[in-house]
C-alpha atoms as a PDB file:
ATOM      1  CA  MET A   1     -11.362 -56.170 -27.344  1.00  0.00           C
ATOM      2  CA  LYS A   2     -10.773 -55.735 -23.542  1.00  0.00           C
ATOM      3  CA  VAL A   3     -10.614 -52.439 -21.741  1.00  0.00           C
ATOM      4  CA  ARG A   4      -8.812 -52.500 -18.345  1.00  0.00           C
ATOM      5  CA  ALA A   5      -6.758 -50.394 -16.048  1.00  0.00           C
ATOM      6  CA  ALA A   6      -3.245 -49.840 -17.128  1.00  0.00           C
ATOM      7  CA  GLY A   7      -0.364 -51.443 -15.221  1.00  0.00           C
ATOM      8  CA  LEU A   8       3.398 -50.878 -15.004  1.00  0.00           C
ATOM      9  CA  LEU A   9       3.987 -53.575 -17.697  1.00  0.00           C
ATOM     10  CA  ASP A  10       1.866 -51.364 -20.172  1.00  0.00           C
ATOM     11  CA  LEU A  11       4.043 -48.261 -20.010  1.00  0.00           C
ATOM     12  CA  ALA A  12       6.520 -49.203 -22.612  1.00  0.00           C
ATOM     13  CA  ARG A  13       3.681 -49.706 -25.081  1.00  0.00           C
ATOM     14  CA  ILE A  14       1.923 -46.495 -24.113  1.00  0.00           C
ATOM     15  CA  GLU A  15       5.223 -44.552 -24.558  1.00  0.00           C
ATOM     16  CA  GLU A  16       5.463 -46.042 -27.902  1.00  0.00           C
ATOM     17  CA  MET A  17       2.082 -44.940 -28.952  1.00  0.00           C
ATOM     18  CA  HIS A  18       2.636 -41.449 -27.453  1.00  0.00           C
ATOM     19  CA  ARG A  19       5.806 -40.926 -29.327  1.00  0.00           C
ATOM     20  CA  SER A  20       4.625 -42.239 -32.715  1.00  0.00           C
ATOM     21  CA  ALA A  21       1.492 -40.120 -32.607  1.00  0.00           C
ATOM     22  CA  GLY A  22       3.641 -37.068 -31.984  1.00  0.00           C
ATOM     23  CA  VAL A  23       5.763 -37.963 -35.043  1.00  0.00           C
ATOM     24  CA  ARG A  24       2.767 -38.362 -37.245  1.00  0.00           C
ATOM     25  CA  LEU A  25       1.215 -35.066 -36.120  1.00  0.00           C
ATOM     26  CA  SER A  26       4.520 -33.245 -36.617  1.00  0.00           C
ATOM     27  CA  GLU A  27       4.774 -34.379 -40.268  1.00  0.00           C
ATOM     28  CA  VAL A  28       1.277 -33.001 -41.159  1.00  0.00           C
ATOM     29  CA  GLU A  29       1.083 -29.774 -39.095  1.00  0.00           C
ATOM     30  CA  PRO A  30       4.505 -28.912 -37.526  1.00  0.00           C
ATOM     31  CA  PRO A  31       3.451 -25.631 -35.777  1.00  0.00           C
ATOM     32  CA  ALA A  32       0.164 -26.604 -34.535  1.00  0.00           C
ATOM     33  CA  ALA A  33       1.245 -30.073 -33.448  1.00  0.00           C
ATOM     34  CA  ARG A  34       4.187 -28.652 -31.487  1.00  0.00           C
ATOM     35  CA  LEU A  35       2.062 -26.278 -29.628  1.00  0.00           C
ATOM     36  CA  TRP A  36      -0.747 -28.881 -29.142  1.00  0.00           C
ATOM     37  CA  SER A  37       1.846 -31.084 -27.380  1.00  0.00           C
ATOM     38  CA  LEU A  38       2.294 -28.160 -24.962  1.00  0.00           C
ATOM     39  CA  LEU A  39      -1.386 -27.996 -24.183  1.00  0.00           C
ATOM     40  CA  SER A  40      -1.880 -31.695 -23.776  1.00  0.00           C
ATOM     41  CA  ALA A  41      -0.231 -33.827 -21.116  1.00  0.00           C
ATOM     42  CA  THR A  42       3.599 -34.625 -21.580  1.00  0.00           C
ATOM     43  CA  LEU A  43       4.555 -38.061 -21.146  1.00  0.00           C
ATOM     44  CA  SER A  44       5.796 -37.327 -17.613  1.00  0.00           C
ATOM     45  CA  ALA A  45       2.051 -36.753 -16.694  1.00  0.00           C
ATOM     46  CA  LEU A  46       1.640 -40.619 -17.282  1.00  0.00           C
ATOM     47  CA  LEU A  47       3.911 -41.455 -14.247  1.00  0.00           C
ATOM     48  CA  PRO A  48       3.427 -42.514 -11.739  1.00  0.00           C
ATOM     49  CA  LEU A  49       0.364 -44.944 -12.063  1.00  0.00           C
ATOM     50  CA  SER A  50      -1.189 -43.709  -8.810  1.00  0.00           C
ATOM     51  CA  GLN A  51      -4.425 -42.330  -7.379  1.00  0.00           C
ATOM     52  CA  GLU A  52      -3.581 -38.958  -9.117  1.00  0.00           C
ATOM     53  CA  THR A  53      -4.463 -40.285 -12.613  1.00  0.00           C
ATOM     54  CA  LEU A  54      -6.748 -42.795 -14.288  1.00  0.00           C
ATOM     55  CA  ILE A  55      -5.283 -44.604 -17.287  1.00  0.00           C
ATOM     56  CA  TYR A  56      -7.157 -47.366 -19.176  1.00  0.00           C
ATOM     57  CA  VAL A  57      -5.946 -49.448 -22.006  1.00  0.00           C
ATOM     58  CA  ALA A  58      -7.690 -51.328 -24.827  1.00  0.00           C
ATOM     59  CA  GLU A  59      -6.104 -54.750 -25.464  1.00  0.00           C
ATOM     60  CA  GLU A  60      -6.739 -56.838 -28.539  1.00  0.00           C
ATOM     61  CA  ASN A  61      -5.249 -60.211 -28.953  1.00  0.00           C
ATOM     62  CA  GLY A  62      -2.865 -59.786 -26.013  1.00  0.00           C
ATOM     63  CA  LYS A  63      -1.608 -56.420 -27.411  1.00  0.00           C
ATOM     64  CA  VAL A  64      -2.442 -52.725 -26.195  1.00  0.00           C
ATOM     65  CA  VAL A  65      -4.014 -50.769 -29.190  1.00  0.00           C
ATOM     66  CA  GLY A  66      -4.963 -47.639 -27.359  1.00  0.00           C
ATOM     67  CA  PHE A  67      -5.032 -45.919 -24.070  1.00  0.00           C
ATOM     68  CA  ILE A  68      -7.039 -42.976 -22.421  1.00  0.00           C
ATOM     69  CA  GLN A  69      -5.800 -40.878 -19.403  1.00  0.00           C
ATOM     70  CA  ALA A  70      -7.726 -38.563 -17.043  1.00  0.00           C
ATOM     71  CA  SER A  71      -6.861 -36.623 -14.034  1.00  0.00           C
ATOM     72  CA  GLY A  72      -8.620 -34.604 -11.235  1.00  0.00           C
ATOM     73  CA  GLN A  73      -8.303 -30.904 -10.850  1.00  0.00           C
ATOM     74  CA  PRO A  74      -5.843 -29.640  -9.895  1.00  0.00           C
ATOM     75  CA  LEU A  75      -3.563 -32.199 -11.150  1.00  0.00           C
ATOM     76  CA  GLY A  76      -2.307 -34.275  -8.211  1.00  0.00           C
ATOM     77  CA  LEU A  77      -5.777 -34.172  -6.435  1.00  0.00           C
ATOM     78  CA  ASP A  78      -6.816 -37.525  -4.818  1.00  0.00           C
ATOM     79  CA  LEU A  79      -9.291 -38.829  -7.171  1.00  0.00           C
ATOM     80  CA  ARG A  80     -11.437 -40.040  -4.367  1.00  0.00           C
ATOM     81  CA  GLY A  81     -12.409 -36.445  -3.805  1.00  0.00           C
ATOM     82  CA  ALA A  82     -12.484 -35.253  -7.390  1.00  0.00           C
ATOM     83  CA  ARG A  83     -15.815 -34.131  -8.875  1.00  0.00           C
ATOM     84  CA  VAL A  84     -14.442 -32.757 -12.157  1.00  0.00           C
ATOM     85  CA  LEU A  85     -12.020 -34.846 -14.303  1.00  0.00           C
ATOM     86  CA  GLN A  86     -10.038 -33.729 -17.463  1.00  0.00           C
ATOM     87  CA  VAL A  87      -9.186 -36.118 -20.145  1.00  0.00           C
ATOM     88  CA  LEU A  88      -5.549 -35.498 -20.927  1.00  0.00           C
ATOM     89  CA  ASN A  89      -4.817 -38.114 -23.582  1.00  0.00           C
ATOM     90  CA  LEU A  90      -6.580 -40.519 -26.047  1.00  0.00           C
ATOM     91  CA  GLN A  91      -4.470 -42.284 -28.377  1.00  0.00           C
ATOM     92  CA  VAL A  92      -5.034 -45.244 -30.674  1.00  0.00           C
ATOM     93  CA  ALA A  93      -2.397 -47.348 -32.364  1.00  0.00           C
ATOM     94  CA  GLU A  94      -1.959 -46.826 -36.126  1.00  0.00           C
ATOM     95  CA  GLU A  95      -2.728 -50.392 -36.988  1.00  0.00           C
ATOM     96  CA  ALA A  96      -6.010 -50.553 -34.930  1.00  0.00           C
ATOM     97  CA  GLU A  97      -9.638 -49.485 -35.798  1.00  0.00           C
ATOM     98  CA  SER A  98      -9.474 -46.079 -34.502  1.00  0.00           C
ATOM     99  CA  GLU A  99     -13.237 -45.219 -34.074  1.00  0.00           C
ATOM    100  CA  GLU A 100     -14.057 -48.569 -32.299  1.00  0.00           C
ATOM    101  CA  VAL A 101     -11.131 -48.496 -30.043  1.00  0.00           C
ATOM    102  CA  ALA A 102     -11.573 -44.656 -29.049  1.00  0.00           C
ATOM    103  CA  ALA A 103     -15.228 -45.232 -28.341  1.00  0.00           C
ATOM    104  CA  ALA A 104     -14.741 -48.150 -26.178  1.00  0.00           C
ATOM    105  CA  LEU A 105     -12.147 -46.227 -24.213  1.00  0.00           C
ATOM    106  CA  VAL A 106     -14.277 -43.039 -23.679  1.00  0.00           C
ATOM    107  CA  GLU A 107     -17.187 -45.165 -22.767  1.00  0.00           C
ATOM    108  CA  HIS A 108     -15.215 -47.054 -20.156  1.00  0.00           C
ATOM    109  CA  LEU A 109     -13.534 -43.974 -18.730  1.00  0.00           C
ATOM    110  CA  SER A 110     -17.039 -42.263 -18.373  1.00  0.00           C
ATOM    111  CA  ASN A 111     -18.357 -45.332 -16.447  1.00  0.00           C
ATOM    112  CA  GLU A 112     -15.352 -45.565 -14.222  1.00  0.00           C
ATOM    113  CA  ALA A 113     -15.434 -41.839 -13.423  1.00  0.00           C
ATOM    114  CA  LEU A 114     -19.057 -41.945 -12.464  1.00  0.00           C
ATOM    115  CA  ASP A 115     -18.362 -44.881 -10.162  1.00  0.00           C
ATOM    116  CA  LYS A 116     -15.584 -42.857  -8.534  1.00  0.00           C
ATOM    117  CA  GLY A 117     -18.105 -39.938  -7.933  1.00  0.00           C
ATOM    118  CA  ALA A 118     -17.158 -37.572 -10.589  1.00  0.00           C
ATOM    119  CA  LEU A 119     -19.886 -35.273 -12.000  1.00  0.00           C
ATOM    120  CA  ARG A 120     -18.317 -34.028 -15.121  1.00  0.00           C
ATOM    121  CA  LEU A 121     -15.660 -34.963 -17.617  1.00  0.00           C
ATOM    122  CA  PHE A 122     -13.973 -32.104 -19.659  1.00  0.00           C
ATOM    123  CA  VAL A 123     -11.862 -32.524 -22.776  1.00  0.00           C
ATOM    124  CA  ARG A 124     -10.124 -30.030 -25.198  1.00  0.00           C
ATOM    125  CA  LEU A 125      -9.408 -31.050 -28.763  1.00  0.00           C
ATOM    126  CA  PRO A 126      -8.019 -29.330 -31.839  1.00  0.00           C
ATOM    127  CA  GLU A 127     -10.713 -28.559 -34.497  1.00  0.00           C
ATOM    128  CA  ARG A 128     -11.276 -31.305 -36.972  1.00  0.00           C
ATOM    129  CA  ASP A 129      -9.387 -33.691 -34.713  1.00  0.00           C
ATOM    130  CA  SER A 130      -9.937 -37.281 -35.891  1.00  0.00           C
ATOM    131  CA  LEU A 131     -10.895 -38.435 -32.464  1.00  0.00           C
ATOM    132  CA  LEU A 132     -13.573 -35.743 -31.936  1.00  0.00           C
ATOM    133  CA  PRO A 133     -16.526 -38.157 -33.107  1.00  0.00           C
ATOM    134  CA  ALA A 134     -15.545 -40.699 -30.303  1.00  0.00           C
ATOM    135  CA  PHE A 135     -16.356 -37.945 -27.771  1.00  0.00           C
ATOM    136  CA  ARG A 136     -19.362 -36.446 -29.465  1.00  0.00           C
ATOM    137  CA  LEU A 137     -21.052 -39.782 -29.919  1.00  0.00           C
ATOM    138  CA  ARG A 138     -20.588 -40.683 -26.141  1.00  0.00           C
ATOM    139  CA  GLY A 139     -22.371 -37.582 -24.931  1.00  0.00           C
ATOM    140  CA  PHE A 140     -19.777 -34.794 -24.972  1.00  0.00           C
ATOM    141  CA  ARG A 141     -21.027 -31.528 -26.086  1.00  0.00           C
ATOM    142  CA  GLN A 142     -19.160 -28.390 -26.786  1.00  0.00           C
ATOM    143  CA  TYR A 143     -19.360 -25.398 -24.555  1.00  0.00           C
ATOM    144  CA  ALA A 144     -16.553 -23.102 -25.594  1.00  0.00           C
ATOM    145  CA  THR A 145     -13.856 -22.530 -28.208  1.00  0.00           C
ATOM    146  CA  GLU A 146     -10.240 -21.724 -27.385  1.00  0.00           C
ATOM    147  CA  VAL A 147      -7.810 -19.918 -29.512  1.00  0.00           C
ATOM    148  CA  VAL A 148      -4.055 -20.255 -29.168  1.00  0.00           C
ATOM    149  CA  VAL A 149      -2.016 -17.226 -30.319  1.00  0.00           C
ATOM    150  CA  TYR A 150       1.730 -17.436 -30.802  1.00  0.00           C
ATOM    151  CA  ALA A 151       4.485 -15.036 -31.574  1.00  0.00           C
ATOM    152  CA  ASP A 152       8.172 -15.831 -32.269  1.00  0.00           C
ATOM    153  CA  LYS A 153       9.195 -12.193 -31.373  1.00  0.00           C
ATOM    154  CA  PRO A 154       6.268 -10.356 -29.674  1.00  0.00           C
ATOM    155  CA  VAL A 155       6.615  -6.532 -29.534  1.00  0.00           C
ATOM    156  CA  MET A 156       5.362  -4.102 -27.019  1.00  0.00           C
ATOM    157  CA  ARG A 157       3.370  -1.175 -28.509  1.00  0.00           C
ATOM    158  CA  ALA A 158       3.953   1.269 -25.564  1.00  0.00           C
ATOM    159  CA  GLU A 159       4.986   1.490 -21.969  1.00  0.00           C
ATOM    160  CA  GLN A 160       1.679   2.821 -20.824  1.00  0.00           C
ATOM    161  CA  PHE A 161       0.657   0.315 -18.268  1.00  0.00           C
ATOM    162  CA  PRO A 162      -2.801   0.032 -16.582  1.00  0.00           C
ATOM    163  CA  ASP A 163      -3.482   2.178 -13.502  1.00  0.00           C
ATOM    164  CA  GLY A 164      -3.754  -0.005 -10.322  1.00  0.00           C
ATOM    165  CA  ILE A 165      -1.480  -2.768 -11.462  1.00  0.00           C
ATOM    166  CA  ARG A 166       0.009  -4.499  -8.562  1.00  0.00           C
ATOM    167  CA  ALA A 167       1.392  -7.981  -7.632  1.00  0.00           C
ATOM    168  CA  VAL A 168      -1.145 -10.523  -6.599  1.00  0.00           C
ATOM    169  CA  LYS A 169      -1.364 -10.844  -2.823  1.00  0.00           C
ATOM    170  CA  ARG A 170      -3.238 -13.128  -0.349  1.00  0.00           C
ATOM    171  CA  GLY A 171      -6.954 -12.388  -0.215  1.00  0.00           C
ATOM    172  CA  ASP A 172      -7.201 -11.586  -4.091  1.00  0.00           C
ATOM    173  CA  ASN A 173      -8.747 -15.079  -4.895  1.00  0.00           C
ATOM    174  CA  ARG A 174     -12.290 -14.050  -4.213  1.00  0.00           C
ATOM    175  CA  MET A 175     -11.911 -10.878  -6.241  1.00  0.00           C
ATOM    176  CA  LEU A 176     -10.439 -12.817  -9.103  1.00  0.00           C
ATOM    177  CA  TYR A 177     -13.296 -15.231  -8.944  1.00  0.00           C
ATOM    178  CA  GLN A 178     -15.627 -12.182  -9.341  1.00  0.00           C
ATOM    179  CA  LEU A 179     -13.693 -11.112 -12.338  1.00  0.00           C
ATOM    180  CA  TYR A 180     -13.900 -14.580 -13.911  1.00  0.00           C
ATOM    181  CA  ARG A 181     -17.742 -14.433 -13.485  1.00  0.00           C
ATOM    182  CA  LYS A 182     -17.890 -11.159 -15.036  1.00  0.00           C
ATOM    183  CA  VAL A 183     -15.909 -12.011 -18.201  1.00  0.00           C
ATOM    184  CA  THR A 184     -17.224 -15.516 -18.629  1.00  0.00           C
ATOM    185  CA  PRO A 185     -20.637 -16.185 -20.206  1.00  0.00           C
ATOM    186  CA  GLN A 186     -23.062 -17.697 -17.644  1.00  0.00           C
ATOM    187  CA  GLY A 187     -23.349 -20.882 -19.690  1.00  0.00           C
ATOM    188  CA  VAL A 188     -19.768 -21.485 -19.397  1.00  0.00           C
ATOM    189  CA  SER A 189     -19.186 -20.491 -15.749  1.00  0.00           C
ATOM    190  CA  GLN A 190     -22.030 -22.603 -14.625  1.00  0.00           C
ATOM    191  CA  LEU A 191     -20.360 -25.632 -16.238  1.00  0.00           C
ATOM    192  CA  GLU A 192     -16.687 -24.992 -15.176  1.00  0.00           C
ATOM    193  CA  ALA A 193     -16.965 -23.150 -11.755  1.00  0.00           C
ATOM    194  CA  PRO A 194     -20.431 -22.414 -10.399  1.00  0.00           C
ATOM    195  CA  THR A 195     -19.026 -21.976  -6.948  1.00  0.00           C
ATOM    196  CA  TYR A 196     -15.921 -20.332  -5.571  1.00  0.00           C
ATOM    197  CA  ARG A 197     -14.637 -23.662  -4.241  1.00  0.00           C
ATOM    198  CA  GLU A 198     -14.898 -25.276  -7.735  1.00  0.00           C
ATOM    199  CA  TRP A 199     -13.210 -22.299  -9.484  1.00  0.00           C
ATOM    200  CA  ARG A 200     -10.358 -22.606  -6.899  1.00  0.00           C
ATOM    201  CA  ALA A 201      -9.865 -26.162  -7.959  1.00  0.00           C
ATOM    202  CA  LEU A 202      -9.911 -25.412 -11.568  1.00  0.00           C
ATOM    203  CA  HIS A 203      -7.743 -22.228 -11.263  1.00  0.00           C
ATOM    204  CA  GLY A 204      -5.100 -24.117  -9.331  1.00  0.00           C
ATOM    205  CA  GLY A 205      -5.266 -26.972 -11.750  1.00  0.00           C
ATOM    206  CA  GLU A 206      -5.128 -24.605 -14.751  1.00  0.00           C
ATOM    207  CA  TRP A 207      -7.811 -26.598 -16.519  1.00  0.00           C
ATOM    208  CA  SER A 208      -8.369 -23.310 -18.677  1.00  0.00           C
ATOM    209  CA  GLY A 209      -5.377 -24.132 -20.739  1.00  0.00           C
ATOM    210  CA  ARG A 210      -2.809 -22.297 -18.600  1.00  0.00           C
ATOM    211  CA  LEU A 211      -0.244 -25.222 -18.205  1.00  0.00           C
ATOM    212  CA  ALA A 212       2.840 -24.096 -16.255  1.00  0.00           C
ATOM    213  CA  ALA A 213       6.185 -25.124 -17.475  1.00  0.00           C
ATOM    214  CA  ARG A 214       8.369 -26.876 -15.058  1.00  0.00           C
ATOM    215  CA  GLY A 215      10.847 -24.596 -13.617  1.00  0.00           C
ATOM    216  CA  SER A 216       9.299 -21.598 -15.106  1.00  0.00           C
ATOM    217  CA  ASP A 217       9.630 -18.096 -13.490  1.00  0.00           C
ATOM    218  CA  LYS A 218       6.103 -16.776 -12.805  1.00  0.00           C
ATOM    219  CA  HIS A 219       4.804 -13.295 -12.336  1.00  0.00           C
ATOM    220  CA  ASP A 220       1.209 -12.695 -11.191  1.00  0.00           C
ATOM    221  CA  TYR A 221      -0.360  -9.371 -11.270  1.00  0.00           C
ATOM    222  CA  VAL A 222      -3.886  -7.859 -10.906  1.00  0.00           C
ATOM    223  CA  VAL A 223      -5.353  -4.516 -11.952  1.00  0.00           C
ATOM    224  CA  ASP A 224      -7.111  -3.190  -8.769  1.00  0.00           C
ATOM    225  CA  ARG A 225      -9.359  -0.257  -9.035  1.00  0.00           C
ATOM    226  CA  VAL A 226     -11.457  -0.809  -5.938  1.00  0.00           C
ATOM    227  CA  GLU A 227     -12.543  -3.939  -7.667  1.00  0.00           C
ATOM    228  CA  VAL A 228     -10.146  -6.235  -9.667  1.00  0.00           C
ATOM    229  CA  VAL A 229     -10.692  -5.413 -13.473  1.00  0.00           C
ATOM    230  CA  GLY A 230      -7.719  -7.303 -14.847  1.00  0.00           C
ATOM    231  CA  TRP A 231      -5.355 -10.114 -14.244  1.00  0.00           C
ATOM    232  CA  VAL A 232      -1.998 -11.285 -16.132  1.00  0.00           C
ATOM    233  CA  LYS A 233       0.426 -14.031 -15.385  1.00  0.00           C
ATOM    234  CA  ALA A 234       3.601 -14.189 -17.192  1.00  0.00           C
ATOM    235  CA  GLU A 235       5.849 -17.384 -17.115  1.00  0.00           C
ATOM    236  CA  ARG A 236       9.416 -17.285 -18.309  1.00  0.00           C
ATOM    237  CA  SER A 237      10.179 -20.835 -19.430  1.00  0.00           C
ATOM    238  CA  THR A 238      13.575 -22.215 -18.559  1.00  0.00           C
ATOM    239  CA  GLY A 239      13.103 -25.292 -20.870  1.00  0.00           C
ATOM    240  CA  ALA A 240      12.076 -25.863 -24.410  1.00  0.00           C
ATOM    241  CA  ARG A 241       8.697 -24.448 -23.990  1.00  0.00           C
ATOM    242  CA  PRO A 242       7.777 -20.925 -25.032  1.00  0.00           C
ATOM    243  CA  ASP A 243       7.067 -18.249 -22.570  1.00  0.00           C
ATOM    244  CA  THR A 244       3.500 -18.095 -21.409  1.00  0.00           C
ATOM    245  CA  LEU A 245       0.980 -15.177 -20.893  1.00  0.00           C
ATOM    246  CA  ASN A 246      -2.403 -15.662 -19.300  1.00  0.00           C
ATOM    247  CA  PHE A 247      -5.031 -13.013 -19.141  1.00  0.00           C
ATOM    248  CA  MET A 248      -8.512 -11.906 -17.865  1.00  0.00           C
ATOM    249  CA  ALA A 249      -9.649  -8.468 -18.459  1.00  0.00           C
ATOM    250  CA  LEU A 250     -12.971  -6.416 -18.712  1.00  0.00           C
ATOM    251  CA  PRO A 251     -13.383  -5.107 -22.171  1.00  0.00           C
ATOM    252  CA  GLU A 252     -13.088  -1.658 -21.173  1.00  0.00           C
ATOM    253  CA  GLY A 253     -11.263   1.179 -23.103  1.00  0.00           C
ATOM    254  CA  PRO A 254      -7.383   0.819 -23.241  1.00  0.00           C
ATOM    255  CA  LEU A 255      -7.169  -1.827 -20.573  1.00  0.00           C
ATOM    256  CA  PRO A 256      -6.682  -4.918 -22.854  1.00  0.00           C
ATOM    257  CA  GLY A 257      -3.801  -3.272 -24.783  1.00  0.00           C
ATOM    258  CA  GLU A 258      -2.230  -1.845 -21.639  1.00  0.00           C
ATOM    259  CA  LEU A 259      -2.404  -5.264 -19.879  1.00  0.00           C
ATOM    260  CA  ALA A 260      -0.985  -6.877 -22.947  1.00  0.00           C
ATOM    261  CA  ASP A 261       2.017  -4.502 -23.029  1.00  0.00           C
ATOM    262  CA  PHE A 262       2.539  -4.993 -19.247  1.00  0.00           C
ATOM    263  CA  GLY A 263       2.496  -8.729 -19.679  1.00  0.00           C
ATOM    264  CA  LEU A 264       5.179  -8.612 -22.335  1.00  0.00           C
ATOM    265  CA  SER A 265       7.346  -6.205 -20.279  1.00  0.00           C
ATOM    266  CA  LEU A 266       7.463  -9.107 -17.781  1.00  0.00           C
ATOM    267  CA  LEU A 267       9.026 -11.153 -20.528  1.00  0.00           C
ATOM    268  CA  LYS A 268      11.603  -8.485 -21.598  1.00  0.00           C
ATOM    269  CA  GLY A 269      14.982  -9.920 -22.297  1.00  0.00           C
ATOM    270  CA  SER A 270      13.714 -13.366 -23.095  1.00  0.00           C
ATOM    271  CA  GLU A 271      14.656 -14.978 -26.380  1.00  0.00           C
ATOM    272  CA  ALA A 272      12.062 -17.516 -26.342  1.00  0.00           C
ATOM    273  CA  PRO A 273       8.704 -17.314 -28.249  1.00  0.00           C
ATOM    274  CA  ALA A 274       5.581 -16.650 -26.555  1.00  0.00           C
ATOM    275  CA  TRP A 275       2.013 -18.056 -26.527  1.00  0.00           C
ATOM    276  CA  SER A 276      -1.273 -17.533 -24.930  1.00  0.00           C
ATOM    277  CA  SER A 277      -4.566 -19.499 -24.688  1.00  0.00           C
ATOM    278  CA  LEU A 278      -7.783 -17.484 -24.813  1.00  0.00           C
ATOM    279  CA  ARG A 279     -11.434 -18.190 -25.026  1.00  0.00           C
ATOM    280  CA  HIS A 280     -13.768 -17.089 -27.964  1.00  0.00           C
ATOM    281  CA  TYR A 281     -15.297 -14.461 -25.685  1.00  0.00           C
ATOM    282  CA  ASP A 282     -11.868 -12.817 -24.907  1.00  0.00           C
ATOM    283  CA  SER A 283     -11.843 -11.247 -28.313  1.00  0.00           C
ATOM    284  CA  HIS A 284     -10.574  -7.945 -26.849  1.00  0.00           C
ATOM    285  CA  MET A 285      -7.468  -9.564 -25.475  1.00  0.00           C
ATOM    286  CA  ILE A 286      -6.949 -11.666 -28.780  1.00  0.00           C
ATOM    287  CA  ASP A 287      -7.163  -8.404 -30.802  1.00  0.00           C
ATOM    288  CA  ALA A 288      -4.682  -6.629 -28.403  1.00  0.00           C
ATOM    289  CA  LEU A 289      -2.260  -9.566 -28.843  1.00  0.00           C
ATOM    290  CA  ARG A 290      -2.592  -9.660 -32.609  1.00  0.00           C
ATOM    291  CA  GLY A 291      -1.520  -5.992 -32.607  1.00  0.00           C
ATOM    292  CA  ARG A 292       1.615  -7.021 -30.792  1.00  0.00           C
ATOM    293  CA  GLY A 293       2.914  -9.699 -33.176  1.00  0.00           C
ATOM    294  CA  PHE A 294       0.938 -12.696 -32.302  1.00  0.00           C
ATOM    295  CA  SER A 295      -1.034 -14.768 -34.757  1.00  0.00           C
ATOM    296  CA  MET A 296      -3.751 -17.338 -34.362  1.00  0.00           C
ATOM    297  CA  LEU A 297      -2.181 -20.784 -34.459  1.00  0.00           C
ATOM    298  CA  LEU A 298      -4.649 -23.313 -33.388  1.00  0.00           C
ATOM    299  CA  THR A 299      -8.381 -23.397 -32.449  1.00  0.00           C
ATOM    300  CA  GLN A 300      -9.598 -25.928 -29.928  1.00  0.00           C
ATOM    301  CA  LEU A 301     -13.072 -27.111 -28.848  1.00  0.00           C
ATOM    302  CA  LEU A 302     -13.830 -27.396 -25.253  1.00  0.00           C
ATOM    303  CA  LEU A 303     -16.331 -30.317 -24.577  1.00  0.00           C
ATOM    304  CA  VAL A 304     -18.040 -31.518 -21.461  1.00  0.00           C
ATOM    305  CA  LYS A 305     -19.993 -34.549 -20.459  1.00  0.00           C
ATOM    306  CA  GLU A 306     -22.450 -34.473 -17.576  1.00  0.00           C
ATOM    307  CA  LEU A 307     -21.910 -37.795 -15.756  1.00  0.00           C
ATOM    308  CA  ALA A 308     -24.601 -37.110 -12.989  1.00  0.00           C
ATOM    309  CA  VAL A 309     -27.247 -34.497 -12.722  1.00  0.00           C
ATOM    310  CA  ARG A 310     -26.756 -32.275  -9.513  1.00  0.00           C
ATOM    311  CA  VAL A 311     -30.035 -31.612  -7.943  1.00  0.00           C
ATOM    312  CA  PRO A 312     -29.945 -28.736  -5.456  1.00  0.00           C
ATOM    313  CA  VAL A 313     -31.120 -29.524  -1.910  1.00  0.00           C
ATOM    314  CA  ARG A 314     -34.291 -27.730  -1.007  1.00  0.00           C
ATOM    315  CA  GLU A 315     -33.590 -25.045   1.550  1.00  0.00           C
ATOM    316  CA  LYS A 316     -35.274 -25.131   4.823  1.00  0.00           C
ATOM    317  CA  GLY A 317     -37.433 -22.115   5.389  1.00  0.00           C
ATOM    318  CA  LEU A 318     -37.275 -20.132   8.546  1.00  0.00           C
ATOM    319  CA  VAL A 319     -40.437 -20.450  10.575  1.00  0.00           C
ATOM    320  CA  PRO A 320     -41.215 -17.888  13.262  1.00  0.00           C
ATOM    321  CA  SER A 321     -41.389 -19.270  16.727  1.00  0.00           C
ATOM    322  CA  PHE A 322     -43.632 -17.543  19.284  1.00  0.00           C
ATOM    323  CA  GLY A 323     -43.527 -18.022  23.066  1.00  0.00           C
END
């Protein structure tokens, strides 16, 4: 078996595998599979084959039997400057040895990413995914769990919205980063975004599961009470995707419920279902949404592989100078 960079001539075969995998999943778990397709890359993310994405294929007897795809954060970042890569797709043809092909692709991607200067590889997978061992056995470890909640017809409970709610404006990013650090366990934030600059890259690329639908109508708000204590983004989808709600909030009093109601008010009049992707430590927001018609649809594991160990440069001490 040979693993190599994908070329334009491989796209037809990659499309075929991508399509057949979706059909197989939909036969087994229709709701979860449909939503998972929203969280992973759509086929349009495979094109073009440029510096914005890495795609490698496994070839056996002249036939492509699997492929893996990764991108920098945010999507579209020149990979020559990317320090963090996200695995977007890993698929193996039905007739191939799944474990062997998947392991070879993950190993090859890890080596190539390291050669290009990446420090870490991230991937999100549904619980009990058949490809999970291919990542675990190649050095990926779980650092967080993500819960997807979904509602065909979400319902507001009240029109009592948070005090201090206002639209996001320029200059809020650093306060949002501080909120991220407050609501995120240190072990997670140190992996994902130990610095403001890295958080900006991740926040812009929506690695945290907040994939924007193309052509969607976005509304971005913060709860400002001297410091930012909450954030909500609502996206009305104009396509086949559901509406999307994203949250960060301190677990204080009525704030999660009020923020959930405000987010739903931004979607008022929409006939589309809605979904939200939240981490295991966002239990206060998960509970607030479950009380408004949402149910847990899918649990995902977030895994990371450290490709290189970062050693902090020793700071130079200040030495007094006399005369």
